[in-house]
Each structure stands twice: as structure tokens, then as C-alpha cells.
Protein backbone atom coordinates (compact mmCIF):
# COMPACT_ATOMS: atom_id res chain seq x y z
CA MET A 1 10.13 -11.95 28.71
CA ALA A 2 8.52 -13.09 25.35
CA ASP A 3 9.50 -11.12 22.46
CA PRO A 4 6.79 -8.77 21.33
CA LEU A 5 4.33 -9.69 18.71
CA LYS A 6 5.76 -8.59 15.15
CA ILE A 7 3.62 -8.02 12.10
CA ASP A 8 4.83 -6.46 8.45
CA SER A 9 1.82 -4.53 7.73
CA HIS A 10 2.96 -3.61 4.08
CA VAL A 11 4.49 -6.28 1.62
CA HIS A 12 4.67 -6.92 -2.06
CA ILE A 13 5.02 -10.37 -3.64
CA TYR A 14 5.74 -11.46 -7.17
CA GLU A 15 5.27 -14.56 -8.84
CA THR A 16 8.70 -15.17 -10.13
CA ARG A 17 12.18 -13.54 -9.22
CA GLU A 18 12.26 -12.09 -12.77
CA ILE A 19 8.65 -10.11 -12.41
CA GLY A 20 10.12 -8.76 -8.99
CA ARG A 21 13.46 -7.72 -10.27
CA ALA A 22 11.77 -5.96 -13.14
CA GLU A 23 9.17 -4.28 -10.85
CA LYS A 24 12.07 -2.92 -8.64
CA THR A 25 14.21 -2.04 -11.49
CA GLY A 26 11.35 0.08 -13.06
CA TYR A 27 10.39 1.91 -9.84
CA GLU A 28 12.33 5.08 -8.77
CA VAL A 29 12.14 6.35 -5.36
CA TRP A 30 12.51 9.96 -6.36
CA GLU A 31 10.43 11.83 -3.62
CA TYR A 32 12.68 11.94 -0.82
CA GLY A 33 15.79 13.26 -2.78
CA GLU A 34 19.31 11.79 -2.34
CA LEU A 35 20.38 10.19 0.57
CA ALA A 36 23.72 7.97 1.08
CA GLY A 37 23.48 4.81 3.03
CA VAL A 38 19.78 3.71 2.53
CA ARG A 39 19.97 0.01 3.01
CA ALA A 40 18.09 -1.35 0.06
CA SER A 41 17.09 -5.04 0.02
CA THR A 42 18.80 -7.60 -2.57
CA LEU A 43 15.93 -9.65 -2.46
CA ASP A 44 13.29 -10.13 -5.41
CA GLY A 45 9.99 -10.36 -3.70
CA THR A 46 8.95 -14.25 -4.08
CA VAL A 47 7.06 -15.85 -1.65
CA ASP A 48 9.74 -18.18 -0.42
CA GLU A 49 12.14 -15.28 0.08
CA LEU A 50 9.21 -13.42 2.10
CA LEU A 51 8.49 -16.46 4.46
CA GLU A 52 12.52 -16.97 5.07
CA SER A 53 12.67 -13.21 5.92
CA MET A 54 9.89 -13.53 8.37
CA VAL A 55 11.25 -16.43 10.20
CA SER A 56 14.71 -14.63 10.25
CA ALA A 57 13.06 -11.21 11.63
CA GLY A 58 10.59 -13.06 13.98
CA ILE A 59 7.73 -11.79 12.26
CA SER A 60 4.38 -13.97 12.53
CA ARG A 61 2.08 -12.28 9.93
CA ALA A 62 2.51 -10.21 6.89
CA VAL A 63 0.09 -8.14 4.77
CA ILE A 64 0.54 -8.59 1.27
CA VAL A 65 -0.53 -5.28 -0.71
CA ASN A 66 -1.40 -6.26 -4.18
CA LEU A 67 -0.94 -3.41 -6.76
CA TYR A 68 -2.13 -3.40 -10.30
CA THR A 69 -0.05 -0.48 -12.14
CA THR A 70 -3.25 0.44 -14.21
CA ALA A 71 -1.75 3.73 -15.66
CA GLU A 72 1.58 2.32 -16.97
CA ILE A 73 -0.22 -0.90 -18.27
CA ARG A 74 -2.63 1.11 -20.03
CA SER A 75 -0.37 3.61 -21.56
CA GLN A 76 2.38 0.87 -22.79
CA ALA A 77 -0.63 -1.02 -24.54
CA ILE A 78 -2.21 2.00 -26.38
CA ALA A 79 1.49 2.98 -27.55
CA THR A 80 1.45 -0.43 -29.42
CA LEU A 81 -1.95 0.44 -31.30
CA GLU A 82 -1.47 0.96 -35.23
CA PRO A 83 -1.14 4.54 -36.07
CA GLY A 84 -3.92 6.11 -38.50
CA LEU A 85 -6.81 4.15 -36.68
CA THR A 86 -10.07 5.74 -37.04
CA ALA A 87 -11.45 7.68 -34.01
CA SER A 88 -14.24 4.83 -33.81
CA ARG A 89 -11.75 1.68 -33.97
CA ARG A 90 -9.32 3.25 -31.77
CA GLU A 91 -12.03 3.81 -29.16
CA LYS A 92 -12.76 0.07 -29.64
CA ALA A 93 -9.28 -1.07 -29.39
CA ILE A 94 -9.14 1.00 -26.08
CA ALA A 95 -12.04 -0.56 -24.56
CA ASP A 96 -10.68 -4.16 -25.57
CA ILE A 97 -7.21 -3.08 -23.76
CA GLU A 98 -9.26 -2.16 -20.91
CA ALA A 99 -11.31 -5.32 -20.75
CA ARG A 100 -8.22 -7.46 -20.99
CA MET A 101 -6.35 -5.25 -18.13
CA ALA A 102 -9.68 -5.94 -15.94
CA ASP A 103 -9.37 -9.59 -16.44
CA GLU A 104 -5.74 -9.43 -15.68
CA MET A 105 -6.10 -7.54 -12.40
CA ARG A 106 -8.70 -10.02 -11.50
CA GLN A 107 -6.32 -13.14 -12.31
CA PHE A 108 -3.65 -11.35 -10.18
CA ASN A 109 -5.96 -10.94 -7.30
CA LEU A 110 -6.99 -14.68 -7.68
CA TRP A 111 -3.29 -15.78 -7.40
CA ALA A 112 -2.45 -13.61 -4.35
CA CYS A 113 -5.54 -15.10 -2.58
CA GLY A 114 -4.45 -18.47 -3.50
CA VAL A 115 -1.11 -17.70 -1.85
CA GLY A 116 -2.85 -16.56 1.29
CA ARG A 117 -4.76 -19.62 1.22
CA GLN A 118 -1.74 -21.70 1.22
CA HIS A 119 0.09 -19.45 3.63
CA PRO A 120 -2.48 -18.31 6.31
CA GLU A 121 0.30 -15.86 7.74
CA LEU A 122 -0.15 -13.83 4.65
CA ALA A 123 -3.07 -11.50 4.95
CA ILE A 124 -4.07 -10.45 1.41
CA PHE A 125 -5.26 -6.85 0.50
CA ILE A 126 -6.38 -6.84 -3.23
CA ALA A 127 -6.14 -4.62 -6.03
CA THR A 128 -8.99 -2.65 -7.43
CA ASP A 129 -9.25 0.33 -9.69
CA PRO A 130 -11.94 3.05 -10.79
CA LEU A 131 -11.43 2.60 -14.38
CA LEU A 132 -11.14 -1.30 -14.66
CA ALA A 133 -13.71 -1.88 -11.88
CA PRO A 134 -15.76 1.23 -11.49
CA ASP A 135 -18.83 1.96 -9.22
CA GLU A 136 -21.08 -1.16 -8.43
CA ALA A 137 -18.36 -3.44 -10.45
CA GLY A 138 -15.78 -2.47 -7.92
CA ALA A 139 -18.12 -3.55 -5.08
CA ILE A 140 -18.99 -6.86 -6.46
CA LEU A 141 -15.22 -7.46 -6.96
CA VAL A 142 -14.52 -6.73 -3.40
CA SER A 143 -17.63 -8.79 -2.25
CA GLU A 144 -16.72 -11.85 -4.24
CA LEU A 145 -12.90 -11.90 -3.29
CA HIS A 146 -13.66 -11.46 0.46
CA GLU A 147 -16.47 -13.98 0.52
CA SER A 148 -15.10 -16.72 -1.71
CA HIS A 149 -11.28 -16.23 -1.56
CA GLY A 150 -10.39 -14.89 1.65
CA ALA A 151 -9.47 -11.15 0.87
CA HIS A 152 -8.69 -9.07 3.94
CA GLY A 153 -8.92 -5.81 2.54
CA VAL A 154 -8.23 -3.48 -0.52
CA LYS A 155 -5.00 -1.86 -1.81
CA LEU A 156 -4.79 1.45 -3.72
CA HIS A 157 -1.93 3.34 -5.35
CA GLY A 158 -3.07 7.11 -6.81
CA PRO A 159 -0.16 7.83 -8.75
CA ALA A 160 0.55 4.06 -10.17
CA GLN A 161 -3.05 3.89 -11.04
CA GLY A 162 -3.56 7.21 -12.06
CA CYS A 163 -6.60 7.99 -9.83
CA MET A 164 -7.72 10.19 -7.06
CA MET A 165 -8.51 9.02 -3.68
CA SER A 166 -11.73 11.26 -4.07
CA ASP A 167 -12.62 9.42 -7.45
CA ARG A 168 -16.66 8.85 -7.12
CA ARG A 169 -16.18 5.73 -9.01
CA LEU A 170 -14.62 4.47 -5.86
CA TRP A 171 -17.58 5.19 -3.49
CA ALA A 172 -19.21 1.93 -4.04
CA THR A 173 -16.08 0.00 -3.31
CA TYR A 174 -15.69 2.23 -0.10
CA ARG A 175 -19.17 1.53 1.04
CA THR A 176 -18.52 -2.24 0.74
CA CYS A 177 -15.25 -2.09 2.46
CA GLU A 178 -17.17 -0.11 5.31
CA GLU A 179 -19.85 -2.39 5.72
CA ARG A 180 -17.72 -5.62 5.56
CA GLY A 181 -15.40 -4.05 7.91
CA LEU A 182 -12.39 -4.44 5.42
CA PRO A 183 -9.61 -1.87 5.48
CA ILE A 184 -7.97 0.23 2.82
CA ILE A 185 -4.17 0.50 2.65
CA ALA A 186 -3.54 3.40 0.40
CA HIS A 187 -0.37 4.71 -1.03
CA ALA A 188 0.33 8.34 0.31
CA GLY A 189 3.02 10.89 -0.87
CA PRO A 190 3.73 13.06 -4.08
CA ASP A 191 3.56 12.27 -7.61
CA GLN A 192 5.78 13.49 -10.25
CA GLN A 193 3.23 15.38 -12.06
CA GLY A 194 2.31 17.45 -9.16
CA ILE A 195 -1.51 16.41 -9.42
CA GLY A 196 -1.75 15.18 -5.63
CA TYR A 197 -3.46 11.76 -6.41
CA SER A 198 -1.94 10.65 -2.80
CA ASP A 199 -1.04 13.56 -1.03
CA PRO A 200 -2.55 13.52 2.54
CA PRO A 201 -5.40 16.22 1.77
CA ALA A 202 -6.39 13.81 -1.12
CA PHE A 203 -7.84 11.24 1.70
CA VAL A 204 -10.25 13.78 3.11
CA ASP A 205 -13.18 13.01 1.03
CA MET A 206 -13.15 9.22 1.51
CA LEU A 207 -12.22 9.94 5.07
CA ARG A 208 -15.19 12.05 5.82
CA ASP A 209 -17.91 10.32 3.87
CA PHE A 210 -17.13 6.97 5.19
CA PRO A 211 -16.40 7.67 8.78
CA ARG A 212 -16.56 3.95 9.77
CA LEU A 213 -13.99 2.98 6.97
CA LYS A 214 -10.46 2.08 8.39
CA VAL A 215 -7.90 3.90 5.77
CA VAL A 216 -4.20 3.19 6.14
CA VAL A 217 -2.47 6.30 4.90
CA ALA A 218 0.67 4.57 3.90
CA HIS A 219 4.47 5.80 4.40
CA LEU A 220 3.05 8.71 7.02
CA GLY A 221 2.69 10.71 3.78
CA GLY A 222 5.84 10.07 2.48
CA ALA A 223 7.62 13.13 1.18
CA SER A 224 4.12 15.05 1.95
CA TRP A 225 4.66 14.02 5.58
CA ARG A 226 4.28 17.44 6.78
CA GLN A 227 0.58 17.42 5.50
CA THR A 228 -0.12 14.10 7.56
CA LEU A 229 -0.77 15.45 11.11
CA GLU A 230 -3.74 17.85 9.87
CA VAL A 231 -5.60 15.04 8.26
CA ALA A 232 -4.79 12.70 11.27
CA GLU A 233 -6.18 15.09 13.81
CA ALA A 234 -9.08 15.71 11.89
CA PHE A 235 -10.16 11.95 11.03
CA PRO A 236 -9.66 9.31 13.85
CA ASN A 237 -10.51 6.77 11.14
CA ALA A 238 -7.19 7.51 9.49
CA TYR A 239 -4.29 5.01 10.30
CA PHE A 240 -0.79 4.89 9.02
CA ASP A 241 2.19 2.90 8.36
CA CYS A 242 5.78 4.02 8.66
CA CYS A 243 7.28 2.03 5.91
CA GLU A 244 9.98 3.47 3.39
CA ILE A 245 9.92 6.85 5.41
CA ILE A 246 11.69 5.39 7.85
CA ASP A 247 14.48 4.33 5.81
CA TRP A 248 14.57 7.95 4.33
CA THR A 249 14.93 9.99 7.56
CA GLY A 250 17.49 12.61 7.30
CA SER A 251 16.96 13.15 3.52
CA PRO A 252 16.32 16.50 1.85
CA ASN A 253 12.41 15.63 1.80
CA GLY A 254 12.23 13.47 4.49
CA PRO A 255 12.11 13.82 8.31
CA SER A 256 14.60 13.69 10.88
CA GLU A 257 14.49 10.62 13.16
CA MET A 258 13.17 13.04 15.85
CA GLU A 259 10.51 14.43 13.45
CA LEU A 260 9.39 11.30 12.64
CA ALA A 261 9.07 10.11 16.01
CA ARG A 262 7.28 13.37 17.22
CA LEU A 263 4.90 12.81 14.22
CA ILE A 264 4.18 9.41 15.36
CA ARG A 265 3.50 10.67 18.97
CA ASP A 266 1.44 13.59 17.75
CA ILE A 267 -0.83 11.28 15.51
CA GLY A 268 -1.00 8.57 18.46
CA THR A 269 1.34 5.62 18.50
CA HIS A 270 -1.64 3.37 18.81
CA ARG A 271 -2.56 4.46 15.06
CA VAL A 272 0.93 3.66 13.57
CA MET A 273 2.25 0.35 12.39
CA MET A 274 5.64 -0.98 11.15
CA GLY A 275 5.80 -1.88 7.42
CA SER A 276 8.89 -2.77 5.45
CA ASP A 277 7.75 -2.37 1.96
CA TYR A 278 9.36 -5.79 1.01
CA PRO A 279 11.14 -6.48 -1.36
CA TRP A 280 12.42 -2.83 -1.34
CA TYR A 281 13.61 -2.84 2.09
CA ASP A 282 14.43 -5.99 4.56
CA LEU A 283 12.12 -6.97 7.24
CA ASP A 284 14.82 -7.40 9.91
CA ASN A 285 16.10 -3.84 9.38
CA THR A 286 12.86 -2.17 9.45
CA VAL A 287 12.28 -3.90 12.91
CA ASP A 288 15.86 -2.46 14.11
CA ARG A 289 14.91 1.06 12.77
CA VAL A 290 11.39 1.19 14.54
CA MET A 291 13.19 0.27 17.86
CA GLU A 292 15.95 2.85 17.21
CA LEU A 293 13.49 5.71 17.18
CA PRO A 294 13.94 8.41 19.63
CA LEU A 295 11.18 9.88 22.05
CA LEU A 296 8.98 6.90 22.07
CA SER A 297 8.81 4.32 24.77
CA LYS A 298 10.15 0.75 24.59
CA GLU A 299 6.24 -0.27 24.86
CA GLU A 300 5.14 2.06 22.19
CA LYS A 301 7.77 1.02 19.70
CA GLU A 302 6.88 -2.73 20.45
CA ARG A 303 3.19 -2.34 19.87
CA ILE A 304 4.26 -0.11 16.67
CA LEU A 305 5.77 -3.51 15.63
CA GLY A 306 2.83 -5.81 15.67
CA ALA A 307 0.17 -5.12 18.31
CA ASN A 308 -1.33 -1.92 16.34
CA ALA A 309 -1.62 -3.80 13.01
CA GLN A 310 -3.44 -6.67 14.62
CA SER A 311 -5.81 -4.25 15.99
CA ILE A 312 -5.99 -1.88 13.13
CA LEU A 313 -6.45 -4.59 10.39
CA GLY A 314 -8.26 -6.99 12.26
CA LEU A 315 -5.67 -9.74 11.99
């Protein structure tokens, strides 16, 4: 019998080992609480490492979720401004910072799309942001990168970007994605400020107002997983990946393996995809974790490994 189709629906890549290592070092997985034995990847997130890992794990395609961490980059840049600037000069300096960031985000997306053209087994989901590309500017960015550079969808990360999923400056982007059949993959889970940028209920407005838009609520809601089923039951255009949360089963704020399997079953196994969150976790280990889940049938788990992503994301 042939091996099942395997698609990793949630992967990050970086231009160099140094950039990837810095990103991993600066990102703390805090929301699940302490858990011994979590198998973290030793890889740094380069394209070559990813391609080697895909071959080793038998994964035929991977979805690159391009993330531009707007809130952190902006705050760091503002912190370097000269003290004592007048209000007008400070406002102008911040506007210049944001214009530079918008160009950086665009160039980052163009680099990722270039990787996708070079390696068609990698599907690129571009970064956008309501501060840097608000309203029609966001729609234009998505349209251009889809038409001319082969973008497959959009990636959002509320806590890292400092934006709500219900930010109306994203509505034109959502509308364009809906019209073009481009899915959105968005980080889900609590934020350290307790604002609720990406808790599952934060997705309600976008799911309601754009019923034909496919929205992937990543990590099955992360440490806010207990809120996920209600959203899934209310909105059939909500889909999910099990990346990261599957590595934190048994943690203080995560589900047990049985609770995770039951959540997937209650949502509908056809709506959940495998994702590794590479380079934080290894592709082969993620495949093993999915296949070890209780309750689900072998056929259901094999669909989670790849066939679901092929259908949901149009790969």
C-alpha cells in the first residue's frame, strides 16, 4: 500500500542560519506552562534544512507562513529615536519608520515568493499588516503578490503584529482573499498582555462577515483551545492546524492527548491539518505525533497528514 500524502501546513523559513537562530532564541513558548520532554528542533530554519527534512519525513509539500513581527520591529525602532524631539518631528520620524517597515515587509514577501518559484513544493503565504498596508493598500499588496509572484495565501499573527483579527483595516484584504480564493492562516492563542488578539473568539467577526473566506485558526487555538470548538461549530469556513499544541499535550495549559483527539473529532477530522511549526519542531516527529493520537482512525489520521491540507488550501 502506498504511503499517505504528507503536507506540512505550517512552516517558517529564514534567509540565513543566523537570522533563524535569532528568531528562535527571541521567541518564548510560554502559554502552555512548563513541560519536560518537549522535543524542540535543533535546526535553524534555512530552506536547505527544510528541504532535507521534507525528504527525510516523506513530506511532498510545505506551506511557508511568512511572518513580519510589526509590533516588535516598530517599538525597537522608536526606542532609538533621539530624546527631546518635538511632537511634530517625532510624528514625522515614526511615519518614516513605518514607511521603511512597509518596504521591508514587501521585500521579505518578495524573497519568500522567490523561494517558492525556485522550489514549487513550497507554497508561500505572505505577510501583511493593517498598520503597514491598511485598507485598499493591503488588498493591492495581496493582489499583486498573488498575480505576479505566485503567493498562495496570507499569514497573520495578532500578538506579534499588535493587531486584532477584527481590525476593520483588514477588511479589504479579507475581501480580496475571499474573491481570489486565497486562504488565511492566522496564529491563535493567548497573548501575554491578555488583550485577546488571537483567542478563538477574536476570529468571529471575520468569519461571519466573509463566509466564503477559508480561515485557518492555527494551533487549534493554542492554550485557548477550550474556546475553539464553539467557533468551529458556528463557522464552517473555519479550519485548523494542530501544530505546536500537539507537542505540548499534557502541559498545564494544554490538552491531554485524549482531549486533543476528542477536540479534533468534535470539530471534524476533515477540517484539521498537520503542521510542524518548523524550525521550532521537527517534521518527522510531528508526523509520528499525529499517528500516535488516540481515538482517531488510521484513515482519519492519514488525512490529517496531508489530504486535508490539499483540499483546504487548494494545493
